[in-house]
Protein backbone atom coordinates (compact mmCIF):
# COMPACT_ATOMS: atom_id res chain seq x y z
CA MET A 1 101.35 -239.52 82.91
CA PHE A 2 102.28 -242.14 85.52
CA GLY A 3 103.11 -241.68 89.16
CA PRO A 4 106.57 -242.22 90.63
CA LEU A 5 108.17 -245.57 89.90
CA THR A 6 109.46 -246.02 93.43
CA VAL A 7 107.95 -245.47 96.83
CA LYS A 8 109.54 -244.48 100.09
CA PRO A 9 109.48 -247.11 102.86
CA ILE A 10 107.97 -244.54 105.20
CA LYS A 11 104.61 -245.17 103.51
CA SER A 12 104.50 -248.69 104.94
CA LYS A 13 106.38 -247.92 108.13
CA GLY A 14 104.19 -250.21 110.22
CA ASP A 15 104.55 -253.09 107.76
CA LYS A 16 108.24 -253.89 107.97
CA THR A 17 108.94 -256.74 105.60
CA GLY A 18 112.25 -257.67 107.18
CA SER A 19 110.48 -259.96 109.61
CA TRP A 20 109.36 -262.23 106.78
CA ARG A 21 112.28 -261.83 104.37
CA VAL A 22 113.59 -264.95 102.71
CA ARG A 23 116.90 -266.24 104.04
CA LEU A 24 118.83 -264.13 101.53
CA LYS A 25 119.65 -260.45 101.52
CA PRO A 26 121.48 -258.21 99.05
CA LYS A 27 125.06 -257.22 99.71
CA TYR A 28 126.24 -254.20 97.75
CA LEU A 29 129.93 -254.60 96.94
CA HIS A 30 130.49 -250.99 95.76
CA LYS A 31 133.38 -252.09 93.52
CA ASN A 32 131.97 -251.82 90.01
CA CYS A 33 128.88 -249.67 90.59
CA ILE A 34 128.27 -247.19 87.77
CA GLY A 35 125.39 -245.42 89.50
CA CYS A 36 122.72 -246.46 86.97
CA LYS A 37 120.14 -246.83 89.79
CA MET A 38 118.41 -249.74 88.05
CA CYS A 39 118.26 -251.45 91.45
CA ILE A 40 116.22 -248.53 92.80
CA LEU A 41 113.80 -248.70 89.90
CA ILE A 42 113.16 -252.45 90.13
CA CYS A 43 112.85 -252.78 93.92
CA PRO A 44 109.21 -253.69 94.70
CA GLU A 45 109.51 -252.27 98.23
CA GLY A 46 111.28 -249.04 97.26
CA CYS A 47 113.78 -249.61 100.03
CA ILE A 48 117.05 -248.85 98.23
CA MET A 49 118.40 -245.45 99.14
CA GLY A 50 121.34 -243.37 97.99
CA GLU A 51 122.11 -240.45 95.74
CA GLU A 52 125.34 -241.48 94.03
CA LYS A 53 127.17 -244.63 93.10
CA ASN A 54 128.81 -246.36 96.05
CA THR A 55 126.17 -244.91 98.39
CA LEU A 56 123.25 -247.12 97.33
CA LEU A 57 122.09 -249.41 100.14
CA PRO A 58 118.86 -251.24 100.96
CA ASP A 59 116.94 -250.64 104.16
CA TYR A 60 116.88 -254.19 105.54
CA ASN A 61 113.81 -253.36 107.61
CA TYR A 62 111.81 -253.37 104.37
CA CYS A 63 113.85 -255.60 102.04
CA LYS A 64 112.14 -258.92 101.22
CA GLY A 65 115.25 -260.52 99.74
CA CYS A 66 113.63 -261.04 96.33
CA GLY A 67 116.97 -260.60 94.53
CA LEU A 68 115.65 -258.42 91.71
CA CYS A 69 118.31 -255.80 92.42
CA ALA A 70 121.08 -258.40 92.02
CA ILE A 71 119.54 -259.73 88.82
CA ILE A 72 119.19 -256.33 87.12
CA CYS A 73 122.60 -254.94 88.12
CA PRO A 74 124.54 -254.60 84.84
CA LYS A 75 127.90 -254.82 86.66
CA LYS A 76 126.91 -257.72 88.95
CA ASP A 77 127.96 -255.57 91.92
CA ILE A 78 125.17 -256.89 94.15
CA LEU A 79 125.33 -260.37 95.64
CA MET A 80 122.60 -262.24 97.46
CA ILE A 81 124.06 -263.63 100.67
CA ASP A 82 122.67 -265.83 103.41
CA GLU A 83 120.99 -263.86 106.19
CA GLU A 84 123.30 -265.28 108.87
CA SER A 85 126.59 -264.79 107.00
CA GLU A 86 127.28 -261.07 107.15
CA GLY A 87 130.75 -261.01 105.58
CA GLU A 88 130.65 -264.11 103.41
CA SER A 89 129.31 -264.19 99.86
CA LYS A 90 127.53 -267.07 98.21
């Protein structure tokens, strides 16, 4: 009926969104992930990859930093952190 819900970033390979991402980016904690893949379904750029829980990660070359993945995560296992602070969480 409908096409795929997600797209692969390869389709917009020349249009990397990382250069105009907001100052935040998602940090996947991989502590409470249940592998529901809701983050994959909601990502407008289709840049979250991984087959199983604890392997899901965004491709920061295409991530806009919209935060939808962090909002929809039922276990709150994704935090939005400041672009400059790699290890710190906000």
